[in-house]
Amino acid sequence: MKRFVNCCYGIFQQLYSLKREILLSFQFVDSATIAFALVIPNFCLNKSI
């Protein structure tokens, strides 16, 4: 479980800093953020099992 949380947290941090840079250059669609929020936990779950 801890590995799963660390995995998600790490990816979210990377995405957040990326998103900030993207936002500075052009409008970033928030639906993409929601999609990532759904995809990342699944990815981490598969990786940690």
N, C-alpha and C. Protein backbone atom coordinates (compact mmCIF):
# COMPACT_ATOMS: atom_id res chain seq x y z
N MET A 1 0.83 -1.21 0.00
CA MET A 1 0.00 0.00 0.00
C MET A 1 0.87 1.27 0.00
N LYS A 2 1.93 1.23 0.81
CA LYS A 2 2.82 2.41 0.87
C LYS A 2 3.49 2.65 -0.49
N ARG A 3 3.89 1.56 -1.15
CA ARG A 3 4.51 1.69 -2.48
C ARG A 3 3.53 2.30 -3.46
N PHE A 4 2.27 1.88 -3.35
CA PHE A 4 1.22 2.39 -4.23
C PHE A 4 1.05 3.90 -4.04
N VAL A 5 0.98 4.32 -2.79
CA VAL A 5 0.81 5.75 -2.48
C VAL A 5 2.01 6.55 -2.95
N ASN A 6 3.21 6.04 -2.70
CA ASN A 6 4.43 6.73 -3.13
C ASN A 6 4.50 6.85 -4.64
N CYS A 7 4.08 5.80 -5.33
CA CYS A 7 4.07 5.80 -6.79
C CYS A 7 3.14 6.89 -7.30
N CYS A 8 1.92 6.91 -6.80
CA CYS A 8 0.94 7.92 -7.23
C CYS A 8 1.43 9.32 -6.90
N TYR A 9 1.94 9.48 -5.69
CA TYR A 9 2.39 10.80 -5.24
C TYR A 9 3.51 11.32 -6.14
N GLY A 10 4.44 10.44 -6.47
CA GLY A 10 5.55 10.84 -7.33
C GLY A 10 5.09 11.28 -8.70
N ILE A 11 4.17 10.50 -9.29
CA ILE A 11 3.68 10.84 -10.63
C ILE A 11 2.87 12.14 -10.58
N PHE A 12 2.02 12.28 -9.55
CA PHE A 12 1.22 13.50 -9.44
C PHE A 12 2.11 14.73 -9.30
N GLN A 13 3.19 14.61 -8.55
CA GLN A 13 4.11 15.75 -8.38
C GLN A 13 4.74 16.13 -9.71
N GLN A 14 5.17 15.12 -10.48
CA GLN A 14 5.77 15.39 -11.78
C GLN A 14 4.76 16.04 -12.71
N LEU A 15 3.53 15.51 -12.71
CA LEU A 15 2.49 16.06 -13.57
C LEU A 15 2.15 17.48 -13.17
N TYR A 16 2.12 17.74 -11.87
CA TYR A 16 1.75 19.07 -11.40
C TYR A 16 2.75 20.11 -11.88
N SER A 17 4.04 19.79 -11.79
CA SER A 17 5.04 20.75 -12.24
C SER A 17 4.98 20.91 -13.76
N LEU A 18 4.69 19.82 -14.46
CA LEU A 18 4.51 19.89 -15.91
C LEU A 18 3.31 20.76 -16.25
N LYS A 19 2.21 20.53 -15.53
CA LYS A 19 0.99 21.26 -15.80
C LYS A 19 1.18 22.75 -15.60
N ARG A 20 1.94 23.11 -14.55
CA ARG A 20 2.20 24.52 -14.30
C ARG A 20 2.92 25.16 -15.48
N GLU A 21 3.89 24.44 -16.04
CA GLU A 21 4.63 24.96 -17.20
C GLU A 21 3.72 25.07 -18.41
N ILE A 22 2.87 24.05 -18.60
CA ILE A 22 1.94 24.06 -19.74
C ILE A 22 0.96 25.22 -19.61
N LEU A 23 0.47 25.45 -18.39
CA LEU A 23 -0.48 26.53 -18.14
C LEU A 23 0.11 27.88 -18.50
N LEU A 24 1.41 28.02 -18.32
CA LEU A 24 2.06 29.29 -18.64
C LEU A 24 2.08 29.51 -20.15
N SER A 25 2.21 28.42 -20.92
CA SER A 25 2.28 28.57 -22.36
C SER A 25 0.90 28.58 -23.03
N PHE A 26 0.01 27.70 -22.62
CA PHE A 26 -1.36 27.74 -23.14
C PHE A 26 -2.35 27.13 -22.16
N GLN A 27 -3.63 27.36 -22.40
CA GLN A 27 -4.66 26.88 -21.49
C GLN A 27 -4.70 25.36 -21.49
N PHE A 28 -4.51 24.80 -20.31
CA PHE A 28 -4.52 23.35 -20.17
C PHE A 28 -5.92 22.90 -19.77
N VAL A 29 -6.43 21.91 -20.47
CA VAL A 29 -7.79 21.44 -20.20
C VAL A 29 -7.81 20.63 -18.91
N ASP A 30 -8.73 21.00 -18.02
CA ASP A 30 -8.79 20.32 -16.73
C ASP A 30 -9.32 18.90 -16.83
N SER A 31 -10.02 18.58 -17.91
CA SER A 31 -10.50 17.21 -18.08
C SER A 31 -9.32 16.25 -18.22
N ALA A 32 -8.21 16.75 -18.74
CA ALA A 32 -7.00 15.93 -18.84
C ALA A 32 -6.48 15.60 -17.44
N THR A 33 -6.57 16.56 -16.55
CA THR A 33 -6.15 16.33 -15.16
C THR A 33 -7.01 15.25 -14.52
N ILE A 34 -8.32 15.32 -14.78
CA ILE A 34 -9.24 14.33 -14.24
C ILE A 34 -8.93 12.95 -14.81
N ALA A 35 -8.64 12.91 -16.10
CA ALA A 35 -8.30 11.63 -16.73
C ALA A 35 -7.05 11.04 -16.09
N PHE A 36 -6.04 11.88 -15.88
CA PHE A 36 -4.81 11.42 -15.22
C PHE A 36 -5.10 10.91 -13.82
N ALA A 37 -5.99 11.61 -13.11
CA ALA A 37 -6.33 11.24 -11.74
C ALA A 37 -6.96 9.85 -11.70
N LEU A 38 -7.63 9.46 -12.78
CA LEU A 38 -8.24 8.13 -12.85
C LEU A 38 -7.25 7.08 -13.32
N VAL A 39 -6.37 7.46 -14.22
CA VAL A 39 -5.44 6.50 -14.83
C VAL A 39 -4.27 6.16 -13.91
N ILE A 40 -3.71 7.17 -13.25
CA ILE A 40 -2.51 6.97 -12.44
C ILE A 40 -2.70 5.93 -11.33
N PRO A 41 -3.78 6.02 -10.52
CA PRO A 41 -3.94 5.00 -9.47
C PRO A 41 -4.00 3.58 -10.03
N ASN A 42 -4.67 3.40 -11.18
CA ASN A 42 -4.73 2.07 -11.80
C ASN A 42 -3.35 1.60 -12.22
N PHE A 43 -2.58 2.50 -12.82
CA PHE A 43 -1.23 2.19 -13.25
C PHE A 43 -0.37 1.77 -12.06
N CYS A 44 -0.46 2.53 -10.98
CA CYS A 44 0.34 2.24 -9.79
C CYS A 44 -0.10 0.95 -9.13
N LEU A 45 -1.39 0.70 -9.15
CA LEU A 45 -1.92 -0.51 -8.54
C LEU A 45 -1.37 -1.73 -9.26
N ASN A 46 -1.38 -1.70 -10.58
CA ASN A 46 -0.86 -2.81 -11.38
C ASN A 46 0.63 -2.99 -11.15
N LYS A 47 1.35 -1.89 -10.98
CA LYS A 47 2.79 -1.93 -10.82
C LYS A 47 3.20 -2.48 -9.45
N SER A 48 2.40 -2.17 -8.44
CA SER A 48 2.79 -2.54 -7.08
C SER A 48 2.36 -3.96 -6.71
N ILE A 49 1.48 -4.55 -7.50
CA ILE A 49 1.02 -5.92 -7.19
C ILE A 49 2.01 -6.94 -7.76
